[in-house]
C-alpha atoms as a PDB file:
ATOM      1  CA  MET A   1      96.911  91.838  87.616  1.00  0.00           C
ATOM      2  CA  THR A   2      98.895  94.850  86.381  1.00  0.00           C
ATOM      3  CA  GLY A   3      96.838  95.569  83.309  1.00  0.00           C
ATOM      4  CA  SER A   4      97.748  92.650  81.057  1.00  0.00           C
ATOM      5  CA  GLN A   5     100.700  91.536  83.225  1.00  0.00           C
ATOM      6  CA  PRO A   6     100.164  89.145  86.172  1.00  0.00           C
ATOM      7  CA  LEU A   7     101.946  90.555  89.223  1.00  0.00           C
ATOM      8  CA  ARG A   8     104.197  87.576  89.820  1.00  0.00           C
ATOM      9  CA  THR A   9     105.691  87.375  86.329  1.00  0.00           C
ATOM     10  CA  VAL A  10     109.067  88.991  85.720  1.00  0.00           C
ATOM     11  CA  ALA A  11     107.393  91.684  83.625  1.00  0.00           C
ATOM     12  CA  GLY A  12     104.671  92.222  86.216  1.00  0.00           C
ATOM     13  CA  LEU A  13     107.129  92.568  89.100  1.00  0.00           C
ATOM     14  CA  THR A  14     109.319  94.960  87.127  1.00  0.00           C
ATOM     15  CA  ALA A  15     106.315  97.111  86.253  1.00  0.00           C
ATOM     16  CA  LEU A  16     105.169  97.185  89.862  1.00  0.00           C
ATOM     17  CA  ARG A  17     108.603  98.121  91.225  1.00  0.00           C
ATOM     18  CA  ASP A  18     108.993 100.882  88.644  1.00  0.00           C
ATOM     19  CA  ALA A  19     105.451 102.133  89.298  1.00  0.00           C
ATOM     20  CA  TYR A  20     106.186 102.546  92.993  1.00  0.00           C
ATOM     21  CA  GLY A  21     108.925 105.013  92.165  1.00  0.00           C
ATOM     22  CA  GLN A  22     106.932 106.751  89.444  1.00  0.00           C
ATOM     23  CA  ASN A  23     104.022 107.276  91.822  1.00  0.00           C
ATOM     24  CA  MET A  24     106.329 108.599  94.524  1.00  0.00           C
ATOM     25  CA  SER A  25     107.771 111.120  92.080  1.00  0.00           C
ATOM     26  CA  GLY A  26     104.570 113.126  92.492  1.00  0.00           C
ATOM     27  CA  LEU A  27     105.591 113.848  96.091  1.00  0.00           C
ATOM     28  CA  VAL A  28     109.044 115.099  95.086  1.00  0.00           C
ATOM     29  CA  PRO A  29     109.192 118.925  94.944  1.00  0.00           C
ATOM     30  CA  GLU A  30     111.271 120.887  92.451  1.00  0.00           C
ATOM     31  CA  THR A  31     114.041 121.052  95.043  1.00  0.00           C
ATOM     32  CA  GLY A  32     114.076 117.259  95.411  1.00  0.00           C
ATOM     33  CA  VAL A  33     115.518 114.484  93.267  1.00  0.00           C
ATOM     34  CA  TYR A  34     113.760 111.896  91.149  1.00  0.00           C
ATOM     35  CA  LEU A  35     115.857 109.701  88.874  1.00  0.00           C
ATOM     36  CA  ALA A  36     115.044 106.347  87.309  1.00  0.00           C
ATOM     37  CA  ASP A  37     116.710 103.928  84.941  1.00  0.00           C
ATOM     38  CA  ASP A  38     116.683 100.239  84.130  1.00  0.00           C
ATOM     39  CA  GLY A  39     116.510  98.385  87.438  1.00  0.00           C
ATOM     40  CA  TRP A  40     116.594 101.312  89.880  1.00  0.00           C
ATOM     41  CA  TRP A  41     115.057 104.585  90.954  1.00  0.00           C
ATOM     42  CA  ILE A  42     115.721 107.361  93.483  1.00  0.00           C
ATOM     43  CA  ALA A  43     112.990 109.591  94.958  1.00  0.00           C
ATOM     44  CA  LEU A  44     114.279 112.134  97.473  1.00  0.00           C
ATOM     45  CA  THR A  45     111.657 114.551  98.734  1.00  0.00           C
ATOM     46  CA  GLY A  46     114.025 116.381 101.055  1.00  0.00           C
ATOM     47  CA  ALA A  47     111.893 115.561 104.102  1.00  0.00           C
ATOM     48  CA  PRO A  48     113.724 115.198 107.428  1.00  0.00           C
ATOM     49  CA  ASP A  49     112.192 111.741 107.920  1.00  0.00           C
ATOM     50  CA  PRO A  50     114.128 109.125 105.891  1.00  0.00           C
ATOM     51  CA  SER A  51     110.914 107.185 105.216  1.00  0.00           C
ATOM     52  CA  TYR A  52     110.154 109.805 102.537  1.00  0.00           C
ATOM     53  CA  ASN A  53     113.567 109.715 100.892  1.00  0.00           C
ATOM     54  CA  LEU A  54     113.675 106.340  99.167  1.00  0.00           C
ATOM     55  CA  ALA A  55     115.636 104.470  96.539  1.00  0.00           C
ATOM     56  CA  LEU A  56     115.154 100.997  95.091  1.00  0.00           C
ATOM     57  CA  VAL A  57     117.551  98.690  93.260  1.00  0.00           C
ATOM     58  CA  HIS A  58     115.878  95.687  91.681  1.00  0.00           C
ATOM     59  CA  GLY A  59     117.514  94.794  88.374  1.00  0.00           C
ATOM     60  CA  GLY A  60     120.185  95.308  85.750  1.00  0.00           C
ATOM     61  CA  ASP A  61     123.783  95.209  86.981  1.00  0.00           C
ATOM     62  CA  VAL A  62     122.646  95.384  90.595  1.00  0.00           C
ATOM     63  CA  ARG A  63     126.059  95.872  92.167  1.00  0.00           C
ATOM     64  CA  LYS A  64     126.932  98.707  89.793  1.00  0.00           C
ATOM     65  CA  ASN A  65     123.478 100.219  90.217  1.00  0.00           C
ATOM     66  CA  THR A  66     123.716 100.069  94.003  1.00  0.00           C
ATOM     67  CA  VAL A  67     127.087 101.824  93.991  1.00  0.00           C
ATOM     68  CA  ALA A  68     125.656 104.571  91.767  1.00  0.00           C
ATOM     69  CA  VAL A  69     122.547 104.965  93.926  1.00  0.00           C
ATOM     70  CA  VAL A  70     124.589 105.202  97.129  1.00  0.00           C
ATOM     71  CA  GLU A  71     126.924 107.790  95.600  1.00  0.00           C
ATOM     72  CA  ARG A  72     123.992 109.982  94.559  1.00  0.00           C
ATOM     73  CA  VAL A  73     122.239 109.624  97.906  1.00  0.00           C
ATOM     74  CA  LEU A  74     125.381 110.559  99.830  1.00  0.00           C
ATOM     75  CA  ALA A  75     125.965 113.528  97.530  1.00  0.00           C
ATOM     76  CA  GLU A  76     122.506 114.869  98.402  1.00  0.00           C
ATOM     77  CA  ARG A  77     123.206 114.556 102.156  1.00  0.00           C
ATOM     78  CA  LEU A  78     119.677 113.458 102.947  1.00  0.00           C
ATOM     79  CA  ARG A  79     118.714 110.773 105.422  1.00  0.00           C
ATOM     80  CA  THR A  80     117.524 108.015 103.101  1.00  0.00           C
ATOM     81  CA  VAL A  81     116.381 104.399 103.017  1.00  0.00           C
ATOM     82  CA  VAL A  82     117.787 102.321 100.157  1.00  0.00           C
ATOM     83  CA  MET A  83     115.657  99.284  99.347  1.00  0.00           C
ATOM     84  CA  LEU A  84     116.622  96.064  97.595  1.00  0.00           C
ATOM     85  CA  ALA A  85     114.196  93.758  95.792  1.00  0.00           C
ATOM     86  CA  GLY A  86     114.385  90.859  93.361  1.00  0.00           C
ATOM     87  CA  ALA A  87     117.849  90.570  91.830  1.00  0.00           C
ATOM     88  CA  GLY A  88     118.809  93.644  93.838  1.00  0.00           C
ATOM     89  CA  LEU A  89     119.035  91.485  96.950  1.00  0.00           C
ATOM     90  CA  ASP A  90     122.342  90.204  95.581  1.00  0.00           C
ATOM     91  CA  ALA A  91     123.804  93.674  96.185  1.00  0.00           C
ATOM     92  CA  ALA A  92     123.354  93.510  99.957  1.00  0.00           C
ATOM     93  CA  THR A  93     127.100  93.066 100.438  1.00  0.00           C
ATOM     94  CA  VAL A  94     127.726  96.325  98.562  1.00  0.00           C
ATOM     95  CA  LEU A  95     125.721  98.205 101.167  1.00  0.00           C
ATOM     96  CA  ALA A  96     127.172  96.253 104.089  1.00  0.00           C
ATOM     97  CA  ASP A  97     130.742  96.878 102.908  1.00  0.00           C
ATOM     98  CA  ALA A  98     129.915 100.599 102.653  1.00  0.00           C
ATOM     99  CA  GLY A  99     128.821 100.672 106.304  1.00  0.00           C
ATOM    100  CA  TRP A 100     125.086 100.540 105.764  1.00  0.00           C
ATOM    101  CA  VAL A 101     122.888  98.330 107.950  1.00  0.00           C
ATOM    102  CA  CYS A 102     119.751  96.365 107.128  1.00  0.00           C
ATOM    103  CA  VAL A 103     116.932  97.793 109.237  1.00  0.00           C
ATOM    104  CA  GLY A 104     114.384  95.146 108.273  1.00  0.00           C
ATOM    105  CA  SER A 105     112.119  94.157 105.430  1.00  0.00           C
ATOM    106  CA  SER A 106     108.580  95.037 104.428  1.00  0.00           C
ATOM    107  CA  SER A 107     106.039  93.074 102.461  1.00  0.00           C
ATOM    108  CA  LEU A 108     104.914  94.679  99.230  1.00  0.00           C
ATOM    109  CA  ARG A 109     101.137  94.280  99.100  1.00  0.00           C
ATOM    110  CA  ALA A 110      98.774  94.534  96.162  1.00  0.00           C
ATOM    111  CA  LEU A 111      95.025  95.093  96.441  1.00  0.00           C
ATOM    112  CA  PRO A 112      92.969  94.912  93.224  1.00  0.00           C
ATOM    113  CA  ASN A 113      91.109  98.061  92.221  1.00  0.00           C
ATOM    114  CA  SER A 114      87.478  97.305  92.931  1.00  0.00           C
ATOM    115  CA  PRO A 115      84.216  99.271  93.085  1.00  0.00           C
ATOM    116  CA  SER A 116      82.647  99.487  96.519  1.00  0.00           C
ATOM    117  CA  ALA A 117      79.461 100.849  98.020  1.00  0.00           C
ATOM    118  CA  PRO A 118      79.957 104.393  99.379  1.00  0.00           C
ATOM    119  CA  ASP A 119      80.826 104.690 103.069  1.00  0.00           C
ATOM    120  CA  ALA A 120      79.209 107.761 104.629  1.00  0.00           C
ATOM    121  CA  ALA A 121      82.097 108.195 107.072  1.00  0.00           C
ATOM    122  CA  VAL A 122      84.857 107.956 104.457  1.00  0.00           C
ATOM    123  CA  ARG A 123      85.593 110.614 101.850  1.00  0.00           C
ATOM    124  CA  ILE A 124      88.269 112.308  99.796  1.00  0.00           C
ATOM    125  CA  LEU A 125      89.752 115.081 101.911  1.00  0.00           C
ATOM    126  CA  GLU A 126      89.518 118.651 100.717  1.00  0.00           C
ATOM    127  CA  ASP A 127      92.408 121.067 101.110  1.00  0.00           C
ATOM    128  CA  GLY A 128      90.897 122.418 104.316  1.00  0.00           C
ATOM    129  CA  ASP A 129      91.020 118.952 105.881  1.00  0.00           C
ATOM    130  CA  LEU A 130      94.715 118.406 105.272  1.00  0.00           C
ATOM    131  CA  ARG A 131      95.787 120.211 108.424  1.00  0.00           C
ATOM    132  CA  SER A 132      93.971 117.535 110.427  1.00  0.00           C
ATOM    133  CA  ALA A 133      95.616 114.830 108.322  1.00  0.00           C
ATOM    134  CA  ARG A 134      99.057 116.280 109.009  1.00  0.00           C
ATOM    135  CA  GLN A 135      98.390 116.364 112.729  1.00  0.00           C
ATOM    136  CA  LEU A 136      97.237 112.745 112.523  1.00  0.00           C
ATOM    137  CA  ALA A 137     100.506 111.786 110.806  1.00  0.00           C
ATOM    138  CA  GLU A 138     102.517 113.501 113.528  1.00  0.00           C
ATOM    139  CA  ASP A 139     100.553 111.741 116.258  1.00  0.00           C
ATOM    140  CA  VAL A 140     100.423 108.280 114.667  1.00  0.00           C
ATOM    141  CA  PHE A 141     103.838 108.020 113.007  1.00  0.00           C
ATOM    142  CA  GLY A 142     105.791 110.373 115.263  1.00  0.00           C
ATOM    143  CA  ILE A 143     107.124 112.304 112.294  1.00  0.00           C
ATOM    144  CA  ASP A 144     108.007 115.988 112.229  1.00  0.00           C
ATOM    145  CA  ARG A 145     105.710 118.712 110.912  1.00  0.00           C
ATOM    146  CA  GLU A 146     107.736 119.253 107.717  1.00  0.00           C
ATOM    147  CA  SER A 147     107.518 115.577 106.767  1.00  0.00           C
ATOM    148  CA  ALA A 148     103.811 115.435 107.636  1.00  0.00           C
ATOM    149  CA  THR A 149     103.158 118.450 105.423  1.00  0.00           C
ATOM    150  CA  LEU A 150     104.928 116.770 102.534  1.00  0.00           C
ATOM    151  CA  VAL A 151     103.044 113.482 102.937  1.00  0.00           C
ATOM    152  CA  TYR A 152      99.589 115.034 103.121  1.00  0.00           C
ATOM    153  CA  GLN A 153      99.834 117.838 100.574  1.00  0.00           C
ATOM    154  CA  GLU A 154      97.506 119.368  98.040  1.00  0.00           C
ATOM    155  CA  ALA A 155      97.657 118.036  94.512  1.00  0.00           C
ATOM    156  CA  ALA A 156      99.442 120.313  92.055  1.00  0.00           C
ATOM    157  CA  PRO A 157      97.001 122.720  90.320  1.00  0.00           C
ATOM    158  CA  ASP A 158      98.046 121.418  86.903  1.00  0.00           C
ATOM    159  CA  ARG A 159      97.703 117.784  88.040  1.00  0.00           C
ATOM    160  CA  PRO A 160      94.598 117.713  90.243  1.00  0.00           C
ATOM    161  CA  SER A 161      93.922 114.020  89.619  1.00  0.00           C
ATOM    162  CA  GLU A 162      97.448 112.865  90.501  1.00  0.00           C
ATOM    163  CA  ARG A 163      96.679 111.966  94.118  1.00  0.00           C
ATOM    164  CA  SER A 164      94.066 112.123  96.842  1.00  0.00           C
ATOM    165  CA  VAL A 165      93.913 111.730 100.608  1.00  0.00           C
ATOM    166  CA  VAL A 166      91.177 109.394 101.804  1.00  0.00           C
ATOM    167  CA  GLY A 167      89.947 109.817 105.371  1.00  0.00           C
ATOM    168  CA  LEU A 168      87.432 108.407 107.832  1.00  0.00           C
ATOM    169  CA  PHE A 169      85.642 110.849 110.126  1.00  0.00           C
ATOM    170  CA  GLU A 170      83.888 110.078 113.382  1.00  0.00           C
ATOM    171  CA  LEU A 171      81.950 112.884 115.084  1.00  0.00           C
ATOM    172  CA  ASP A 172      83.667 115.346 112.719  1.00  0.00           C
ATOM    173  CA  THR A 173      87.112 114.167 113.855  1.00  0.00           C
ATOM    174  CA  LEU A 174      89.515 112.597 111.377  1.00  0.00           C
ATOM    175  CA  GLN A 175      90.349 109.141 112.718  1.00  0.00           C
ATOM    176  CA  THR A 176      92.103 107.474 109.770  1.00  0.00           C
ATOM    177  CA  ALA A 177      93.842 108.807 106.673  1.00  0.00           C
ATOM    178  CA  ALA A 178      95.814 107.452 103.722  1.00  0.00           C
ATOM    179  CA  MET A 179      97.505 109.116 100.759  1.00  0.00           C
ATOM    180  CA  LEU A 180      96.688 107.578  97.378  1.00  0.00           C
ATOM    181  CA  SER A 181      98.891 108.272  94.350  1.00  0.00           C
ATOM    182  CA  PHE A 182      97.129 107.293  91.134  1.00  0.00           C
ATOM    183  CA  GLY A 183      98.872 105.339  88.396  1.00  0.00           C
ATOM    184  CA  LYS A 184      97.646 103.273  85.486  1.00  0.00           C
ATOM    185  CA  PRO A 185      97.426 100.398  86.166  1.00  0.00           C
ATOM    186  CA  ILE A 186      99.378 100.538  89.469  1.00  0.00           C
ATOM    187  CA  SER A 187      98.479 103.085  92.145  1.00  0.00           C
ATOM    188  CA  THR A 188     100.231 103.429  95.505  1.00  0.00           C
ATOM    189  CA  VAL A 189      98.929 103.945  99.028  1.00  0.00           C
ATOM    190  CA  TRP A 190     101.141 105.790 101.517  1.00  0.00           C
ATOM    191  CA  ALA A 191     101.087 106.644 105.205  1.00  0.00           C
ATOM    192  CA  ALA A 192      97.861 104.874 106.132  1.00  0.00           C
ATOM    193  CA  GLY A 193      97.297 105.412 109.841  1.00  0.00           C
ATOM    194  CA  THR A 194      94.616 105.508 112.530  1.00  0.00           C
ATOM    195  CA  ARG A 195      94.542 107.427 115.804  1.00  0.00           C
ATOM    196  CA  ALA A 196      95.041 105.309 118.919  1.00  0.00           C
ATOM    197  CA  GLN A 197      91.440 105.732 120.069  1.00  0.00           C
ATOM    198  CA  GLY A 198      90.147 104.556 116.703  1.00  0.00           C
ATOM    199  CA  GLN A 199      92.283 101.444 116.317  1.00  0.00           C
ATOM    200  CA  ARG A 200      90.898  97.893 116.268  1.00  0.00           C
ATOM    201  CA  ARG A 201      87.518  99.198 115.179  1.00  0.00           C
ATOM    202  CA  GLY A 202      87.756  98.461 111.473  1.00  0.00           C
ATOM    203  CA  HIS A 203      88.513 102.045 110.452  1.00  0.00           C
ATOM    204  CA  GLY A 204      91.631 101.142 108.484  1.00  0.00           C
ATOM    205  CA  LEU A 205      89.845  98.401 106.560  1.00  0.00           C
ATOM    206  CA  ARG A 206      87.020 100.757 105.617  1.00  0.00           C
ATOM    207  CA  VAL A 207      89.513 103.305 104.315  1.00  0.00           C
ATOM    208  CA  LEU A 208      91.422 100.685 102.316  1.00  0.00           C
ATOM    209  CA  ARG A 209      88.190  99.575 100.658  1.00  0.00           C
ATOM    210  CA  GLN A 210      87.456 103.146  99.615  1.00  0.00           C
ATOM    211  CA  VAL A 211      91.065 103.585  98.460  1.00  0.00           C
ATOM    212  CA  SER A 212      90.561 100.590  96.172  1.00  0.00           C
ATOM    213  CA  ALA A 213      87.258 102.045  94.962  1.00  0.00           C
ATOM    214  CA  ALA A 214      88.808 105.476  94.334  1.00  0.00           C
ATOM    215  CA  ALA A 215      91.581 103.890  92.270  1.00  0.00           C
ATOM    216  CA  PHE A 216      89.017 101.916  90.273  1.00  0.00           C
ATOM    217  CA  GLU A 217      87.019 105.068  89.582  1.00  0.00           C
ATOM    218  CA  ALA A 218      90.136 107.009  88.562  1.00  0.00           C
ATOM    219  CA  VAL A 219      92.004 104.474  86.415  1.00  0.00           C
ATOM    220  CA  GLY A 220      89.823 101.371  86.063  1.00  0.00           C
ATOM    221  CA  ASP A 221      91.325  97.903  86.378  1.00  0.00           C
ATOM    222  CA  GLY A 222      94.652  97.600  88.145  1.00  0.00           C
ATOM    223  CA  ALA A 223      95.900  97.376  91.698  1.00  0.00           C
ATOM    224  CA  VAL A 224      96.890  99.525  94.658  1.00  0.00           C
ATOM    225  CA  CYS A 225     100.290  98.619  96.074  1.00  0.00           C
ATOM    226  CA  GLY A 226     101.819  99.541  99.402  1.00  0.00           C
ATOM    227  CA  LEU A 227     104.647  98.546 101.723  1.00  0.00           C
ATOM    228  CA  ALA A 228     103.183  97.085 104.904  1.00  0.00           C
ATOM    229  CA  SER A 229     104.749  97.709 108.285  1.00  0.00           C
ATOM    230  CA  ALA A 230     104.715  94.950 110.894  1.00  0.00           C
ATOM    231  CA  ALA A 231     101.766  96.702 112.519  1.00  0.00           C
ATOM    232  CA  GLY A 232      99.951  97.049 109.204  1.00  0.00           C
ATOM    233  CA  ASN A 233     100.183  93.432 108.072  1.00  0.00           C
ATOM    234  CA  ALA A 234      96.990  92.378 109.861  1.00  0.00           C
ATOM    235  CA  LEU A 235      95.072  95.172 108.125  1.00  0.00           C
ATOM    236  CA  TYR A 236      96.330  94.160 104.699  1.00  0.00           C
ATOM    237  CA  ASP A 237      95.546  90.523 105.477  1.00  0.00           C
ATOM    238  CA  ALA A 238      91.970  91.472 106.363  1.00  0.00           C
ATOM    239  CA  SER A 239      91.619  93.483 103.146  1.00  0.00           C
ATOM    240  CA  GLY A 240      92.636  90.529 100.997  1.00  0.00           C
ATOM    241  CA  ALA A 241      95.772  92.254  99.695  1.00  0.00           C
ATOM    242  CA  GLU A 242      98.293  89.684  98.515  1.00  0.00           C
ATOM    243  CA  ILE A 243     101.962  89.625  99.445  1.00  0.00           C
ATOM    244  CA  VAL A 244     103.817  90.079  96.177  1.00  0.00           C
ATOM    245  CA  GLU A 245     107.369  90.030  97.554  1.00  0.00           C
ATOM    246  CA  TYR A 246     109.548  91.453 100.324  1.00  0.00           C
ATOM    247  CA  TRP A 247     111.817  94.491 100.064  1.00  0.00           C
ATOM    248  CA  GLN A 248     114.905  94.874 102.257  1.00  0.00           C
ATOM    249  CA  MET A 249     115.453  98.261 103.897  1.00  0.00           C
ATOM    250  CA  TRP A 250     118.963  99.663 104.392  1.00  0.00           C
ATOM    251  CA  SER A 251     120.206 102.889 105.939  1.00  0.00           C
ATOM    252  CA  ARG A 252     123.220 104.364 107.702  1.00  0.00           C
ATOM    253  CA  PRO A 253     123.521 103.957 111.492  1.00  0.00           C
ATOM    254  CA  ARG A 254     123.965 107.680 112.139  1.00  0.00           C
ATOM    255  CA  TRP A 255     120.826 108.465 110.128  1.00  0.00           C
ATOM    256  CA  LEU A 256     118.837 106.056 112.264  1.00  0.00           C
ATOM    257  CA  LEU A 257     119.977 108.052 115.284  1.00  0.00           C
ATOM    258  CA  GLY A 258     118.752 111.264 113.691  1.00  0.00           C
ATOM    259  CA  SER A 259     122.131 112.730 112.787  1.00  0.00           C
END
């Protein structure tokens, strides 16, 4: 449920798609770009990794909206992933005709906010722990230091409750971390990853449970949403997170090659 809106209704899906962009806006610095209107949003952090420069088209005049989104993205000259969902899928030919390629699709998952018993190994990271989280992101996702710093960053002083990083420690070593952006009623989980030596030991599931609990404590009823990678689907299945829909991912061939 998204507050009073079931997720799979038109209103519920629209609210969820919009919330994903709104929650990502908290990661966009003053030098970045966040724009949103009926049926689309753009959130460009400026990170070198295109996974953190995103746009979504999901409604309205989807062909017109897709053209406008592509024009703005190209004007910013940032490696970006443009996503299509719902009615936006009908604009796939717009991207294909412009030379973009579909790089796959990801399931959008939703996990209800739910209280949970405390886990002694899992906690909200303090600022001093974020260096370890950034190193984890580099090791697990293979991203550059600048992108890792953006993903796992301190909350703004004037908005301390906007987001948190949840981590699992084993022998004082951070094994799993996930960024949680709070929203009411939809929060978003980003960049959930576990070190190779800690995988297949239930660490990710324990962190997701505490992510759900943290969202419940912060905003009450609602859900945590996240885009699941192929590798992350088993974790979301184990957590009980439902598949709400699938989002197509599009980018430019040269960006995929790092140029």
